[in-house]
Amino acid sequence: MIYLLFIALPVIGLVMMYNRGNPWVAFGITMPHAAEANFERVDMLKSWHVTLANLGYFVIGLHAIAALMHHYFWKDNTLLRMMPRKRD
């Protein structure tokens, strides 16, 4: 779910910028833009972008809480197994 959001949010942002109809620059490269702006689509995409971003914050927070519960409540060493080991 987190990885899907990591892919979907930038794609939605790029499509949103494309549909604004204005030239824009990313990493020093002028990106393509629609010949005619479609502000209805931009508003819809912005709504999706905001909703998915908030969902992402929630999922990341839930993930962190679950990791802490495994470590402190269930004491099953899940968090310790994910940590890098010291090299001898």
N, C-alpha and C. Protein backbone atom coordinates (compact mmCIF):
# COMPACT_ATOMS: atom_id res chain seq x y z
N MET A 1 0.83 -1.19 0.00
CA MET A 1 0.00 0.00 0.00
C MET A 1 0.88 1.26 0.00
N ILE A 2 1.91 1.26 0.83
CA ILE A 2 2.79 2.43 0.90
C ILE A 2 3.49 2.63 -0.45
N TYR A 3 3.98 1.55 -1.05
CA TYR A 3 4.69 1.66 -2.32
C TYR A 3 3.75 2.11 -3.44
N LEU A 4 2.51 1.68 -3.40
CA LEU A 4 1.53 2.13 -4.39
C LEU A 4 1.33 3.64 -4.28
N LEU A 5 1.27 4.15 -3.06
CA LEU A 5 1.13 5.59 -2.86
C LEU A 5 2.38 6.33 -3.33
N PHE A 6 3.57 5.73 -3.10
CA PHE A 6 4.82 6.36 -3.54
C PHE A 6 4.86 6.49 -5.06
N ILE A 7 4.17 5.62 -5.77
CA ILE A 7 4.13 5.69 -7.23
C ILE A 7 2.98 6.59 -7.69
N ALA A 8 1.81 6.42 -7.09
CA ALA A 8 0.61 7.13 -7.54
C ALA A 8 0.69 8.64 -7.33
N LEU A 9 1.21 9.08 -6.20
CA LEU A 9 1.23 10.52 -5.91
C LEU A 9 2.06 11.33 -6.91
N PRO A 10 3.29 10.92 -7.24
CA PRO A 10 4.02 11.69 -8.25
C PRO A 10 3.38 11.64 -9.63
N VAL A 11 2.81 10.48 -9.99
CA VAL A 11 2.15 10.38 -11.30
C VAL A 11 0.96 11.33 -11.37
N ILE A 12 0.15 11.35 -10.32
CA ILE A 12 -1.00 12.27 -10.28
C ILE A 12 -0.51 13.72 -10.35
N GLY A 13 0.57 14.02 -9.64
CA GLY A 13 1.13 15.38 -9.68
C GLY A 13 1.60 15.76 -11.08
N LEU A 14 2.25 14.83 -11.78
CA LEU A 14 2.71 15.12 -13.15
C LEU A 14 1.53 15.33 -14.10
N VAL A 15 0.51 14.49 -14.00
CA VAL A 15 -0.67 14.64 -14.85
C VAL A 15 -1.38 15.95 -14.53
N MET A 16 -1.41 16.31 -13.26
CA MET A 16 -2.04 17.56 -12.85
C MET A 16 -1.29 18.76 -13.47
N MET A 17 0.03 18.74 -13.40
CA MET A 17 0.82 19.83 -13.98
C MET A 17 0.64 19.89 -15.50
N TYR A 18 0.58 18.73 -16.15
CA TYR A 18 0.38 18.68 -17.60
C TYR A 18 -0.93 19.36 -17.98
N ASN A 19 -1.99 19.08 -17.24
CA ASN A 19 -3.33 19.59 -17.58
C ASN A 19 -3.52 21.06 -17.25
N ARG A 20 -2.59 21.69 -16.58
CA ARG A 20 -2.72 23.13 -16.31
C ARG A 20 -2.50 23.95 -17.57
N GLY A 21 -1.82 23.38 -18.55
CA GLY A 21 -1.65 24.07 -19.82
C GLY A 21 -0.53 25.07 -19.86
N ASN A 22 0.23 25.21 -18.78
CA ASN A 22 1.35 26.15 -18.73
C ASN A 22 2.66 25.37 -18.83
N PRO A 23 3.66 25.96 -19.52
CA PRO A 23 4.97 25.31 -19.51
C PRO A 23 5.54 25.28 -18.09
N TRP A 24 6.20 24.20 -17.74
CA TRP A 24 6.80 24.09 -16.41
C TRP A 24 8.10 23.32 -16.53
N VAL A 25 8.98 23.53 -15.57
CA VAL A 25 10.33 22.98 -15.62
C VAL A 25 10.54 22.04 -14.45
N ALA A 26 11.11 20.87 -14.73
CA ALA A 26 11.49 19.92 -13.70
C ALA A 26 12.91 19.46 -14.00
N PHE A 27 13.80 19.59 -13.02
CA PHE A 27 15.20 19.20 -13.17
C PHE A 27 15.87 19.89 -14.35
N GLY A 28 15.48 21.14 -14.61
CA GLY A 28 16.08 21.91 -15.69
C GLY A 28 15.55 21.59 -17.07
N ILE A 29 14.53 20.74 -17.15
CA ILE A 29 13.97 20.33 -18.44
C ILE A 29 12.54 20.88 -18.53
N THR A 30 12.25 21.55 -19.65
CA THR A 30 10.88 22.02 -19.86
C THR A 30 10.01 20.81 -20.18
N MET A 31 8.97 20.63 -19.40
CA MET A 31 8.10 19.46 -19.54
C MET A 31 6.95 19.76 -20.50
N PRO A 32 6.41 18.71 -21.11
CA PRO A 32 5.27 18.92 -22.01
C PRO A 32 4.04 19.39 -21.23
N HIS A 33 3.18 20.09 -21.92
CA HIS A 33 1.96 20.58 -21.29
C HIS A 33 0.82 20.51 -22.30
N ALA A 34 -0.38 20.47 -21.80
CA ALA A 34 -1.56 20.40 -22.67
C ALA A 34 -1.70 21.71 -23.45
N ALA A 35 -2.18 21.60 -24.67
CA ALA A 35 -2.38 22.80 -25.49
C ALA A 35 -3.46 23.68 -24.89
N GLU A 36 -4.44 23.06 -24.26
CA GLU A 36 -5.52 23.80 -23.64
C GLU A 36 -5.70 23.29 -22.22
N ALA A 37 -5.76 24.20 -21.27
CA ALA A 37 -5.90 23.82 -19.86
C ALA A 37 -7.25 23.17 -19.61
N ASN A 38 -7.25 22.18 -18.71
CA ASN A 38 -8.48 21.51 -18.31
C ASN A 38 -8.57 21.62 -16.79
N PHE A 39 -9.14 22.73 -16.31
CA PHE A 39 -9.14 23.01 -14.88
C PHE A 39 -10.08 22.09 -14.09
N GLU A 40 -11.09 21.55 -14.75
CA GLU A 40 -11.95 20.57 -14.06
C GLU A 40 -11.14 19.33 -13.71
N ARG A 41 -10.34 18.87 -14.65
CA ARG A 41 -9.49 17.70 -14.40
C ARG A 41 -8.43 18.03 -13.35
N VAL A 42 -7.86 19.23 -13.42
CA VAL A 42 -6.85 19.63 -12.43
C VAL A 42 -7.45 19.62 -11.03
N ASP A 43 -8.67 20.15 -10.88
CA ASP A 43 -9.32 20.16 -9.57
C ASP A 43 -9.58 18.75 -9.06
N MET A 44 -10.03 17.85 -9.96
CA MET A 44 -10.27 16.47 -9.57
C MET A 44 -8.97 15.79 -9.15
N LEU A 45 -7.91 15.98 -9.95
CA LEU A 45 -6.61 15.38 -9.63
C LEU A 45 -6.04 15.93 -8.32
N LYS A 46 -6.23 17.23 -8.10
CA LYS A 46 -5.74 17.83 -6.85
C LYS A 46 -6.46 17.23 -5.66
N SER A 47 -7.76 17.01 -5.81
CA SER A 47 -8.53 16.38 -4.74
C SER A 47 -8.00 14.98 -4.44
N TRP A 48 -7.75 14.21 -5.50
CA TRP A 48 -7.19 12.86 -5.32
C TRP A 48 -5.80 12.93 -4.69
N HIS A 49 -5.00 13.89 -5.15
CA HIS A 49 -3.63 14.03 -4.65
C HIS A 49 -3.64 14.31 -3.14
N VAL A 50 -4.49 15.23 -2.71
CA VAL A 50 -4.58 15.57 -1.29
C VAL A 50 -5.09 14.39 -0.48
N THR A 51 -6.13 13.71 -0.99
CA THR A 51 -6.70 12.56 -0.28
C THR A 51 -5.68 11.44 -0.13
N LEU A 52 -4.97 11.11 -1.21
CA LEU A 52 -3.98 10.04 -1.15
C LEU A 52 -2.79 10.42 -0.28
N ALA A 53 -2.40 11.70 -0.29
CA ALA A 53 -1.30 12.14 0.57
C ALA A 53 -1.68 11.97 2.03
N ASN A 54 -2.90 12.36 2.39
CA ASN A 54 -3.35 12.18 3.78
C ASN A 54 -3.45 10.70 4.13
N LEU A 55 -3.91 9.88 3.20
CA LEU A 55 -3.93 8.43 3.43
C LEU A 55 -2.51 7.91 3.65
N GLY A 56 -1.56 8.45 2.89
CA GLY A 56 -0.17 8.05 3.05
C GLY A 56 0.36 8.37 4.44
N TYR A 57 0.04 9.56 4.94
CA TYR A 57 0.46 9.91 6.31
C TYR A 57 -0.13 8.93 7.31
N PHE A 58 -1.40 8.58 7.12
CA PHE A 58 -2.07 7.66 8.03
C PHE A 58 -1.42 6.27 7.97
N VAL A 59 -1.16 5.77 6.77
CA VAL A 59 -0.58 4.43 6.62
C VAL A 59 0.84 4.38 7.20
N ILE A 60 1.63 5.42 6.97
CA ILE A 60 2.98 5.46 7.53
C ILE A 60 2.93 5.51 9.05
N GLY A 61 2.03 6.31 9.61
CA GLY A 61 1.87 6.36 11.06
C GLY A 61 1.42 5.03 11.63
N LEU A 62 0.47 4.38 10.96
CA LEU A 62 0.00 3.07 11.39
C LEU A 62 1.13 2.05 11.35
N HIS A 63 1.96 2.13 10.32
CA HIS A 63 3.11 1.23 10.19
C HIS A 63 4.09 1.43 11.36
N ALA A 64 4.35 2.67 11.70
CA ALA A 64 5.26 2.96 12.82
C ALA A 64 4.67 2.47 14.14
N ILE A 65 3.38 2.68 14.35
CA ILE A 65 2.73 2.20 15.58
C ILE A 65 2.80 0.69 15.66
N ALA A 66 2.56 0.01 14.54
CA ALA A 66 2.63 -1.46 14.54
C ALA A 66 4.03 -1.94 14.89
N ALA A 67 5.06 -1.28 14.35
CA ALA A 67 6.44 -1.67 14.67
C ALA A 67 6.73 -1.48 16.16
N LEU A 68 6.27 -0.38 16.72
CA LEU A 68 6.49 -0.14 18.15
C LEU A 68 5.70 -1.12 19.02
N MET A 69 4.50 -1.49 18.59
CA MET A 69 3.72 -2.48 19.35
C MET A 69 4.43 -3.83 19.35
N HIS A 70 4.99 -4.21 18.19
CA HIS A 70 5.73 -5.47 18.14
C HIS A 70 6.91 -5.44 19.10
N HIS A 71 7.56 -4.28 19.20
CA HIS A 71 8.76 -4.19 20.03
C HIS A 71 8.43 -4.10 21.52
N TYR A 72 7.47 -3.25 21.88
CA TYR A 72 7.22 -3.00 23.30
C TYR A 72 6.08 -3.82 23.90
N PHE A 73 5.06 -4.14 23.11
CA PHE A 73 3.89 -4.83 23.65
C PHE A 73 4.03 -6.35 23.52
N TRP A 74 4.33 -6.80 22.29
CA TRP A 74 4.43 -8.24 22.06
C TRP A 74 5.83 -8.78 22.28
N LYS A 75 6.83 -7.91 22.30
CA LYS A 75 8.24 -8.27 22.56
C LYS A 75 8.69 -9.46 21.71
N ASP A 76 8.41 -9.41 20.43
CA ASP A 76 8.78 -10.52 19.54
C ASP A 76 10.03 -10.23 18.69
N ASN A 77 10.74 -9.17 19.02
CA ASN A 77 12.01 -8.80 18.39
C ASN A 77 11.90 -8.50 16.89
N THR A 78 10.70 -8.22 16.41
CA THR A 78 10.53 -7.88 15.00
C THR A 78 11.32 -6.62 14.65
N LEU A 79 11.24 -5.62 15.49
CA LEU A 79 11.95 -4.37 15.22
C LEU A 79 13.46 -4.58 15.25
N LEU A 80 13.94 -5.38 16.17
CA LEU A 80 15.38 -5.64 16.25
C LEU A 80 15.88 -6.40 15.03
N ARG A 81 15.06 -7.30 14.49
CA ARG A 81 15.47 -8.05 13.30
C ARG A 81 15.56 -7.15 12.07
N MET A 82 14.84 -6.05 12.07
CA MET A 82 14.88 -5.13 10.93
C MET A 82 16.07 -4.17 11.01
N MET A 83 16.63 -3.99 12.19
CA MET A 83 17.74 -3.05 12.37
C MET A 83 19.02 -3.66 11.79
N PRO A 84 19.91 -2.80 11.26
CA PRO A 84 21.18 -3.32 10.76
C PRO A 84 22.01 -3.89 11.91
N ARG A 85 22.71 -4.96 11.60
CA ARG A 85 23.53 -5.60 12.63
C ARG A 85 24.90 -4.96 12.67
N LYS A 86 25.49 -5.00 13.86
CA LYS A 86 26.85 -4.47 14.02
C LYS A 86 27.83 -5.45 13.40
N ARG A 87 28.79 -4.92 12.71
CA ARG A 87 29.83 -5.75 12.08
C ARG A 87 30.96 -5.94 13.08
N ASP A 88 31.41 -7.16 13.23
CA ASP A 88 32.53 -7.45 14.14
C ASP A 88 33.85 -7.47 13.41
